[in-house]
Protein backbone atom coordinates (compact mmCIF):
# COMPACT_ATOMS: atom_id res chain seq x y z
CA MET A 1 -5.47 3.18 29.92
CA LYS A 2 -4.71 6.88 30.02
CA TRP A 3 -0.93 6.39 29.92
CA LYS A 4 -1.29 3.80 27.18
CA ASN A 5 -2.96 6.39 24.97
CA GLU A 6 -0.34 8.99 25.91
CA TRP A 7 2.45 6.60 24.87
CA LYS A 8 0.78 6.15 21.50
CA THR A 9 0.64 9.92 21.08
CA LEU A 10 4.27 10.26 22.10
CA LEU A 11 5.39 7.57 19.64
CA LEU A 12 3.41 9.23 16.84
CA ILE A 13 5.00 12.61 17.59
CA LEU A 14 8.44 10.99 17.75
CA ALA A 15 7.93 9.21 14.42
CA VAL A 16 6.85 12.44 12.71
CA PHE A 17 9.77 14.33 14.24
CA LEU A 18 12.34 11.73 13.13
CA GLY A 19 10.81 11.64 9.67
CA ILE A 20 11.18 15.41 9.33
CA PHE A 21 14.61 15.42 11.02
CA TYR A 22 16.02 12.92 8.53
CA LEU A 23 14.06 14.19 5.52
CA PRO A 24 16.47 13.84 2.58
CA VAL A 25 15.91 17.36 1.28
CA GLY A 26 18.77 18.28 -1.01
CA ASN A 27 19.09 14.75 -2.38
CA SER A 28 18.51 15.12 -6.12
CA ARG A 29 16.33 12.01 -6.48
CA PHE A 30 14.14 12.95 -3.50
CA ASP A 31 13.77 16.56 -4.64
CA ASN A 32 12.91 15.44 -8.15
CA ALA A 33 10.38 12.90 -6.84
CA ILE A 34 8.53 15.59 -4.88
CA LEU A 35 8.50 17.77 -8.00
CA GLU A 36 7.18 14.84 -10.04
CA ALA A 37 4.41 14.32 -7.49
CA PHE A 38 3.22 17.89 -8.02
CA HIS A 39 3.61 17.61 -11.80
CA LEU A 40 1.48 14.46 -11.94
CA ALA A 41 -1.15 15.89 -9.59
CA LYS A 42 -1.32 19.06 -11.72
CA TRP A 43 -1.61 17.04 -14.92
CA TYR A 44 -4.32 14.85 -13.40
CA ALA A 45 -6.29 17.87 -12.20
CA ARG A 46 -6.14 19.46 -15.65
CA GLU A 47 -6.77 16.40 -17.79
CA HIS A 48 -9.09 14.17 -15.76
CA VAL A 49 -11.02 15.91 -13.01
CA VAL A 50 -13.21 18.13 -15.20
CA LEU A 51 -13.72 15.91 -18.25
CA CYS A 52 -13.66 12.48 -16.58
CA LEU A 53 -14.58 12.65 -12.93
CA ILE A 54 -17.26 15.34 -12.93
CA PRO A 55 -19.43 13.52 -15.54
CA ALA A 56 -18.76 10.25 -13.69
CA PHE A 57 -19.88 11.81 -10.40
CA PHE A 58 -23.09 13.05 -12.02
CA ILE A 59 -23.74 9.58 -13.47
CA ALA A 60 -23.11 7.95 -10.08
CA GLY A 61 -25.43 10.46 -8.42
CA ALA A 62 -28.09 9.73 -11.04
CA ILE A 63 -27.76 5.99 -10.42
CA ALA A 64 -28.37 6.56 -6.71
CA VAL A 65 -31.41 8.79 -7.27
CA PHE A 66 -33.08 7.80 -10.54
CA ILE A 67 -32.52 4.05 -10.59
CA SER A 68 -34.47 2.15 -8.01
CA GLN A 69 -32.69 -0.31 -5.76
CA ALA A 70 -35.05 -2.99 -7.02
CA ALA A 71 -33.93 -2.36 -10.61
CA VAL A 72 -30.24 -2.69 -9.71
CA MET A 73 -30.89 -5.89 -7.79
CA LYS A 74 -32.97 -7.24 -10.67
CA TYR A 75 -30.01 -7.16 -13.04
CA LEU A 76 -26.95 -7.25 -10.74
CA GLY A 77 -28.20 -8.42 -7.34
CA ALA A 78 -29.17 -11.69 -5.68
CA LYS A 79 -32.26 -12.23 -7.83
CA ALA A 80 -30.45 -11.53 -11.08
CA ASN A 81 -29.76 -14.13 -13.71
CA LYS A 82 -26.05 -14.87 -13.22
CA PHE A 83 -25.28 -15.06 -16.93
CA LEU A 84 -26.99 -11.71 -17.47
CA ALA A 85 -25.31 -10.09 -14.44
CA TYR A 86 -21.76 -11.18 -15.20
CA GLY A 87 -22.21 -10.83 -18.94
CA THR A 88 -23.40 -7.23 -18.61
CA ALA A 89 -20.63 -6.33 -16.16
CA SER A 90 -17.88 -8.00 -18.19
CA VAL A 91 -18.49 -6.08 -21.42
CA SER A 92 -19.25 -2.68 -19.89
CA GLY A 93 -15.83 -1.40 -20.92
CA THR A 94 -16.80 -1.56 -24.59
CA ILE A 95 -19.17 1.32 -23.81
CA LEU A 96 -17.25 3.15 -21.07
CA ALA A 97 -13.88 4.36 -22.35
CA VAL A 98 -12.75 5.27 -18.84
CA CYS A 99 -9.60 4.96 -16.74
CA SER A 100 -9.17 3.14 -13.43
CA CYS A 101 -10.18 6.26 -11.50
CA THR A 102 -13.17 7.41 -13.56
CA VAL A 103 -14.89 4.04 -13.12
CA LEU A 104 -14.87 4.40 -9.31
CA PRO A 105 -17.93 6.65 -8.85
CA LEU A 106 -19.92 4.35 -11.14
CA PHE A 107 -18.77 1.28 -9.18
CA ALA A 108 -19.67 2.96 -5.88
CA GLY A 109 -23.10 3.85 -7.23
CA ILE A 110 -24.15 0.36 -8.32
CA TYR A 111 -22.56 -1.36 -5.30
CA ARG A 112 -24.37 0.83 -2.79
CA MET A 113 -27.64 0.35 -4.65
CA GLY A 114 -27.52 -3.41 -4.04
CA ALA A 115 -25.35 -4.96 -6.76
CA GLY A 116 -23.65 -8.18 -5.67
CA LEU A 117 -19.93 -8.10 -4.94
CA GLY A 118 -19.23 -10.45 -7.86
CA PRO A 119 -20.95 -8.45 -10.65
CA ALA A 120 -19.81 -5.15 -9.08
CA THR A 121 -16.12 -6.15 -9.08
CA ALA A 122 -16.48 -7.61 -12.57
CA PHE A 123 -17.71 -4.17 -13.65
CA LEU A 124 -14.92 -2.49 -11.66
CA TYR A 125 -12.27 -4.47 -13.57
CA SER A 126 -13.88 -4.43 -17.01
CA GLY A 127 -14.76 -0.72 -17.08
CA PRO A 128 -11.20 0.50 -17.75
CA ALA A 129 -9.79 -2.82 -19.03
CA ILE A 130 -12.10 -3.54 -21.98
CA ASN A 131 -11.72 -0.34 -23.95
CA VAL A 132 -12.32 -0.99 -27.67
CA LEU A 133 -10.18 1.95 -28.76
CA ALA A 134 -7.29 0.95 -26.48
CA ILE A 135 -7.47 -2.67 -27.62
CA MET A 136 -7.40 -1.67 -31.31
CA LEU A 137 -4.48 0.67 -30.65
CA THR A 138 -2.68 -2.17 -28.86
CA ALA A 139 -3.17 -4.48 -31.84
CA ARG A 140 -1.96 -1.88 -34.32
CA VAL A 141 1.08 -0.64 -32.37
CA LEU A 142 2.16 -3.69 -30.36
CA GLY A 143 0.98 -6.50 -32.59
CA LEU A 144 -2.25 -8.37 -33.39
CA GLU A 145 -1.52 -11.20 -30.94
CA LEU A 146 -1.14 -8.80 -28.01
CA GLY A 147 -4.34 -6.98 -28.99
CA ILE A 148 -6.36 -10.20 -29.17
CA ALA A 149 -4.82 -11.56 -25.97
CA ARG A 150 -5.61 -8.30 -24.16
CA ALA A 151 -9.25 -8.34 -25.29
CA LEU A 152 -9.86 -11.99 -24.42
CA GLY A 153 -7.89 -11.79 -21.19
CA ALA A 154 -9.76 -8.71 -19.96
CA ILE A 155 -13.20 -10.24 -20.61
CA ILE A 156 -12.27 -13.57 -18.99
CA PHE A 157 -10.54 -11.83 -16.08
CA SER A 158 -13.58 -9.72 -15.26
CA ILE A 159 -15.84 -12.77 -15.04
CA VAL A 160 -13.37 -14.99 -13.17
CA ILE A 161 -12.44 -12.24 -10.70
CA GLY A 162 -16.10 -11.46 -10.07
CA VAL A 163 -16.97 -15.12 -9.47
CA LEU A 164 -13.96 -15.63 -7.19
CA MET A 165 -14.78 -12.51 -5.17
CA HIS A 166 -18.30 -13.85 -4.71
CA PHE A 167 -17.12 -17.25 -3.46
CA ILE A 168 -14.28 -15.91 -1.30
CA PHE A 169 -16.75 -13.69 0.53
CA LYS A 170 -19.66 -16.10 0.15
CA LYS A 171 -20.81 -15.83 3.76
CA GLU A 172 -21.27 -12.08 3.52
CA GLU A 173 -22.82 -12.38 0.09
CA ASP A 174 -25.26 -15.05 1.32
CA GLU A 175 -26.38 -12.69 4.09
CA LYS A 176 -26.82 -9.93 1.52
CA THR A 177 -28.72 -12.33 -0.73
CA ALA A 178 -31.06 -13.34 2.07
CA ALA A 179 -31.85 -9.70 2.81
CA GLN A 180 -32.51 -8.97 -0.88
CA LEU A 181 -34.70 -12.04 -1.34
CA ALA A 182 -36.83 -10.86 1.57
CA MET A 183 -37.52 -7.57 -0.20
CA PRO A 184 -40.76 -7.36 -2.22
CA ASP A 185 -40.53 -7.32 -6.00
CA ASN A 186 -41.10 -3.98 -7.71
CA ASN A 187 -42.09 -4.42 -11.33
CA ASP A 188 -43.36 -0.88 -11.86
CA ASP A 189 -41.51 0.60 -14.82
CA ASP A 190 -42.86 4.10 -14.23
CA ASP A 191 -40.72 6.43 -12.11
CA ASN A 192 -42.10 9.88 -11.28
CA GLY A 193 -43.99 9.94 -14.56
CA ARG A 194 -41.05 8.63 -16.63
CA THR A 195 -41.00 5.30 -18.37
CA LEU A 196 -38.10 2.87 -18.37
CA TRP A 197 -37.03 3.87 -21.89
CA GLN A 198 -36.99 7.56 -20.94
CA ASN A 199 -34.65 6.86 -18.04
CA ALA A 200 -32.54 4.72 -20.38
CA VAL A 201 -32.23 7.62 -22.85
CA TYR A 202 -31.30 9.94 -19.97
CA PHE A 203 -28.47 7.67 -18.84
CA PHE A 204 -27.37 7.09 -22.44
CA THR A 205 -27.03 10.86 -22.82
CA LEU A 206 -24.93 11.17 -19.65
CA VAL A 207 -22.67 8.31 -20.74
CA GLY A 208 -22.37 9.85 -24.21
CA ILE A 209 -21.06 13.09 -22.69
CA LEU A 210 -18.52 11.15 -20.61
CA VAL A 211 -17.32 8.97 -23.50
CA PHE A 212 -16.98 11.58 -26.25
CA ALA A 213 -15.56 14.35 -24.05
CA ASN A 214 -12.71 11.94 -23.26
CA TRP A 215 -12.31 10.39 -26.71
CA GLY A 216 -8.59 9.88 -27.23
CA LYS A 217 -6.58 10.40 -30.41
CA ALA A 218 -5.70 7.06 -31.99
CA GLY A 219 -4.24 7.94 -35.37
CA SER A 220 -4.38 10.44 -38.21
CA SER A 221 -6.99 8.69 -40.35
CA GLY A 222 -9.89 6.27 -40.11
CA ILE A 223 -13.18 6.34 -38.23
CA TRP A 224 -11.57 6.71 -34.79
CA ALA A 225 -9.59 9.74 -35.93
CA THR A 226 -12.73 11.24 -37.50
CA ILE A 227 -14.65 10.82 -34.26
CA TYR A 228 -11.75 12.45 -32.40
CA GLN A 229 -11.93 15.47 -34.70
CA LEU A 230 -15.69 15.73 -34.13
CA LYS A 231 -15.65 14.83 -30.42
CA TRP A 232 -16.68 18.26 -29.15
CA ILE A 233 -19.47 18.62 -31.69
CA ILE A 234 -20.79 15.21 -30.63
CA THR A 235 -20.40 16.12 -26.95
CA SER A 236 -22.34 19.33 -27.56
CA ILE A 237 -25.17 17.40 -29.21
CA PHE A 238 -25.39 15.07 -26.22
CA SER A 239 -25.33 18.10 -23.89
CA LEU A 240 -28.22 19.73 -25.75
CA GLY A 241 -30.06 16.43 -25.54
CA LEU A 242 -29.49 16.34 -21.78
CA GLY A 243 -30.89 19.86 -21.49
CA ALA A 244 -34.03 18.90 -23.42
CA ILE A 245 -34.48 15.78 -21.27
CA LEU A 246 -34.19 17.80 -18.07
CA ILE A 247 -36.80 20.30 -19.32
CA PHE A 248 -39.41 17.92 -20.75
CA TRP A 249 -38.99 14.78 -18.63
CA PHE A 250 -37.65 16.14 -15.33
CA ASN A 251 -39.64 19.40 -15.25
CA PHE A 252 -36.46 21.44 -14.94
CA ALA A 253 -37.03 25.17 -15.57
CA TRP A 254 -36.14 26.06 -19.16
CA TRP A 255 -34.51 29.33 -18.16
CA LYS A 256 -32.06 27.47 -15.90
CA ILE A 257 -30.99 25.32 -18.84
CA ALA A 258 -30.66 28.47 -20.96
CA LEU A 259 -28.50 30.18 -18.31
CA THR A 260 -26.31 27.09 -18.25
CA ALA A 261 -26.02 26.61 -22.01
CA ILE A 262 -25.62 30.21 -23.22
CA PRO A 263 -22.43 31.07 -21.23
CA ALA A 264 -20.92 27.72 -22.24
CA ALA A 265 -21.70 28.41 -25.92
CA ILE A 266 -20.22 31.92 -25.72
CA LEU A 267 -17.03 30.62 -24.09
CA ALA A 268 -16.76 27.88 -26.72
CA PHE A 269 -16.93 30.57 -29.42
CA ILE A 270 -14.38 32.85 -27.69
CA PHE A 271 -11.95 30.06 -26.75
CA PRO A 272 -12.38 27.36 -29.41
CA GLU A 273 -8.90 25.99 -28.72
CA TYR A 274 -9.77 25.43 -25.04
CA PRO A 275 -13.06 23.46 -25.02
CA ILE A 276 -12.50 22.52 -21.37
CA ILE A 277 -13.43 26.12 -20.43
CA ALA A 278 -16.88 25.81 -21.99
CA PHE A 279 -17.29 22.32 -20.55
CA SER A 280 -16.39 23.63 -17.08
CA ALA A 281 -18.90 26.48 -17.41
CA GLY A 282 -21.63 24.00 -18.29
CA ALA A 283 -20.73 21.77 -15.33
CA VAL A 284 -20.72 24.75 -12.94
CA GLY A 285 -24.07 25.98 -14.23
CA LEU A 286 -25.66 22.53 -13.92
CA SER A 287 -24.27 22.21 -10.39
CA ILE A 288 -25.62 25.61 -9.31
CA PHE A 289 -29.12 25.09 -10.64
CA THR A 290 -29.52 21.48 -9.52
CA SER A 291 -28.24 22.31 -6.03
CA THR A 292 -30.70 25.20 -5.66
CA SER A 293 -33.70 23.31 -7.04
CA LYS A 294 -36.16 21.22 -5.10
CA GLY A 295 -37.14 17.60 -5.34
CA GLU A 296 -35.30 14.92 -7.28
CA THR A 297 -32.93 17.24 -9.16
CA GLN A 298 -31.62 18.56 -5.85
CA GLU A 299 -31.28 14.96 -4.64
CA TRP A 300 -29.27 14.30 -7.82
CA PHE A 301 -26.80 17.05 -6.96
CA ASP A 302 -26.64 16.04 -3.29
CA SER A 303 -25.81 12.46 -4.23
CA THR A 304 -23.25 13.64 -6.81
CA TRP A 305 -21.59 15.88 -4.22
CA GLY A 306 -21.53 13.03 -1.72
CA PHE A 307 -19.54 10.84 -4.14
CA ALA A 308 -17.21 13.72 -4.96
CA LYS A 309 -16.45 14.40 -1.28
CA GLN A 310 -15.62 10.77 -0.62
CA ILE A 311 -13.64 9.92 -3.75
CA LEU A 312 -11.84 13.03 -5.01
CA PRO A 313 -9.54 13.68 -1.99
CA LEU A 314 -8.39 10.05 -1.97
CA LEU A 315 -7.75 10.11 -5.71
CA LEU A 316 -5.67 13.28 -5.61
CA PHE A 317 -3.67 11.98 -2.63
CA GLY A 318 -3.06 8.69 -4.44
CA VAL A 319 -1.98 10.47 -7.63
CA PHE A 320 0.47 12.57 -5.59
CA ILE A 321 2.02 9.48 -3.96
CA ALA A 322 2.16 7.62 -7.29
CA GLY A 323 3.94 10.59 -8.86
CA ALA A 324 6.50 10.69 -6.05
CA LEU A 325 7.23 6.96 -6.32
CA LEU A 326 7.11 6.39 -10.08
CA GLY A 327 7.08 9.84 -11.70
CA ARG A 328 5.42 10.69 -14.99
CA VAL A 329 6.02 8.97 -18.30
CA GLY A 330 9.62 9.67 -19.27
CA HIS A 331 10.48 11.14 -15.86
CA GLU A 332 12.00 9.65 -12.74
CA GLY A 333 10.40 9.26 -9.32
CA MET A 334 11.86 7.71 -6.18
CA ILE A 335 11.95 4.29 -7.87
CA PRO A 336 14.44 4.36 -10.78
CA SER A 337 12.76 3.39 -14.05
CA HIS A 338 15.74 1.28 -15.10
CA TRP A 339 14.98 -1.07 -12.19
CA VAL A 340 11.60 -1.83 -13.73
CA GLU A 341 13.01 -2.08 -17.26
CA LYS A 342 15.70 -4.51 -16.09
CA ALA A 343 13.23 -6.62 -14.12
CA VAL A 344 10.68 -7.16 -16.93
CA GLY A 345 13.01 -8.69 -19.51
CA GLY A 346 12.47 -12.29 -20.57
CA ASN A 347 9.49 -14.39 -19.52
CA SER A 348 10.30 -15.63 -16.04
CA LEU A 349 7.86 -15.76 -13.15
CA LEU A 350 9.66 -12.81 -11.56
CA SER A 351 9.56 -10.64 -14.70
CA ASN A 352 5.82 -11.26 -15.15
CA PHE A 353 5.15 -10.59 -11.48
CA VAL A 354 7.15 -7.34 -11.54
CA ALA A 355 5.25 -6.20 -14.64
CA SER A 356 1.90 -7.01 -13.00
CA PHE A 357 2.82 -5.46 -9.67
CA ALA A 358 4.33 -2.30 -11.15
CA GLY A 359 1.41 -1.92 -13.55
CA ALA A 360 -1.09 -2.32 -10.71
CA PHE A 361 0.38 0.60 -8.75
CA MET A 362 1.15 2.93 -11.67
CA TYR A 363 -1.50 5.33 -12.95
CA PHE A 364 -2.35 4.95 -16.66
CA ALA A 365 -4.62 7.44 -18.33
CA THR A 366 -6.72 5.92 -21.12
CA LEU A 367 -4.50 4.87 -24.09
CA THR A 368 -1.22 5.94 -22.45
CA GLU A 369 -0.28 2.37 -21.58
CA VAL A 370 0.36 1.61 -25.27
CA PRO A 371 3.21 4.10 -25.91
CA ILE A 372 4.68 3.25 -22.48
CA LEU A 373 4.80 -0.42 -23.38
CA GLN A 374 6.16 0.38 -26.82
CA GLY A 375 9.15 2.02 -25.14
CA LEU A 376 9.59 -0.83 -22.63
CA ILE A 377 9.45 -3.48 -25.37
CA GLY A 378 12.06 -1.50 -27.30
CA ASN A 379 14.27 -1.73 -24.18
CA GLY A 380 13.95 -5.52 -23.97
CA MET A 381 10.62 -6.19 -22.24
CA GLY A 382 9.24 -9.65 -23.04
CA LYS A 383 5.82 -10.22 -24.60
CA GLY A 384 4.59 -12.09 -21.53
CA PRO A 385 5.33 -9.23 -19.10
CA ALA A 386 3.88 -6.80 -21.66
CA LEU A 387 0.55 -8.64 -21.57
CA ALA A 388 0.74 -8.91 -17.77
CA LEU A 389 1.13 -5.14 -17.52
CA LEU A 390 -1.72 -4.56 -20.01
CA LEU A 391 -4.07 -6.73 -17.94
CA ALA A 392 -3.13 -5.28 -14.54
CA GLY A 393 -2.19 -1.67 -15.31
CA PRO A 394 -5.26 -0.01 -16.84
CA ALA A 395 -7.64 -1.65 -14.33
CA LEU A 396 -5.69 -0.73 -11.17
CA SER A 397 -3.63 2.11 -9.75
CA LEU A 398 -2.61 3.34 -6.32
CA PRO A 399 -5.27 6.09 -6.31
CA ASN A 400 -7.84 3.54 -7.47
CA MET A 401 -6.97 1.17 -4.59
CA LEU A 402 -7.38 3.87 -1.94
CA VAL A 403 -10.90 4.64 -3.13
CA ILE A 404 -11.92 0.97 -3.52
CA ARG A 405 -10.87 0.42 0.09
CA SER A 406 -13.21 3.21 1.23
CA ILE A 407 -16.10 1.52 -0.59
CA ILE A 408 -15.71 -2.22 0.09
CA GLY A 409 -13.13 -2.31 2.90
CA THR A 410 -9.48 -3.29 3.27
CA LYS A 411 -9.90 -7.07 3.11
CA LYS A 412 -11.97 -7.16 -0.07
CA THR A 413 -9.68 -4.60 -1.72
CA ALA A 414 -6.58 -6.64 -0.88
CA VAL A 415 -8.17 -9.78 -2.33
CA PHE A 416 -9.31 -7.97 -5.49
CA VAL A 417 -5.87 -6.46 -6.11
CA SER A 418 -4.15 -9.78 -5.38
CA LEU A 419 -6.39 -11.64 -7.83
CA VAL A 420 -5.62 -9.14 -10.60
CA ILE A 421 -1.85 -9.34 -10.00
CA ILE A 422 -1.73 -13.14 -9.68
CA MET A 423 -3.91 -13.80 -12.74
CA SER A 424 -1.99 -11.24 -14.80
CA THR A 425 1.32 -12.84 -13.80
CA PHE A 426 0.39 -16.38 -14.84
CA THR A 427 -1.46 -15.27 -17.97
CA GLY A 428 1.65 -13.34 -19.01
CA MET A 429 3.82 -16.42 -18.48
CA ILE A 430 1.53 -18.59 -20.58
CA PHE A 431 1.36 -16.00 -23.36
CA GLY A 432 5.12 -15.50 -23.30
CA ASN A 433 5.75 -19.23 -23.69
CA LEU A 434 3.28 -19.47 -26.59
CA PHE A 435 4.57 -16.41 -28.48
């Protein structure tokens, strides 16, 4: 046994040595791919960690602390009405304008609190896929039929994928159901002196901060453009609301809220063109004071930090690898972009599969899939593969897959990803033949 382990160590050392020995440093494509990996990781850190992930971590932590397990199971668990559970999960994206990575802490929160695999994976798909702003932008830029097909496809996909995940892993789900059914009902709506509606307002405020801080630009006029221009004012209003809620409903010391809000307000006044600085100051202040408090607010921070420790390293590693393989938009990684452009022309099974597969592994920030597809369609991409990429791309990415695996395991992750790719492929073929 001892020598068997030593041989494994030797083979690992040998593999690492050969990899370094034959490292293609100096090859222009390899050197550029490494540079692209750092560029994408830098862009992701600047654009998504502070505004997207930090609010999502706080929401996930709040789910774990302030929502009882019985409440989650009531609406998404074994005892839940199936129409209510899948219906709620399938339209969640109309509220959460998030990308495939930002949805992960929220998914982890509800899954660990007792949500069934079916409703949880329906939420996991729908969160980034059913984005009202992205769907409207798709219809306006790429055509009404693609916008409608994307909206309908995403809603149907989320339900079908959730139901299939439940039945594929029915044995495990039945065991989970039996355990949940054995638990006593808890119909008490009061939680530490707060009513159900007060907790609902609290979560609405947190989601409001997440949504409006990340509101994307979708034109120069109209209601969406107006909201974009006012996004930081709206985010500030939600932040003030959160502060008031923490003081009056969570018994958080008023001076701690003041010491969090005042520096953020001053920085917003000094650096109006860089609102992320003020936002970061507010997040740091909230983290400091919740972590040094006692009781449930400290539990909130501890849970938030637990999600961050598990998810953030995997996300950044996945973004780095995705950048090395595929590069940023308009830039080359290890895989030449013309390979993908050539493979997604027409409406064959292969072209739809390539679009689904490539989309599943690429990272799309919210709304960026539309201009990418606009360029691909201009280079000959068929409408079927375009829809296939729209249905697979925003909901999945390589970083997203790495984190999902850490939450539900390798087997379930492989099945989930496969279902998304297969359904996107055949839906694209059908759409391409019709239009």
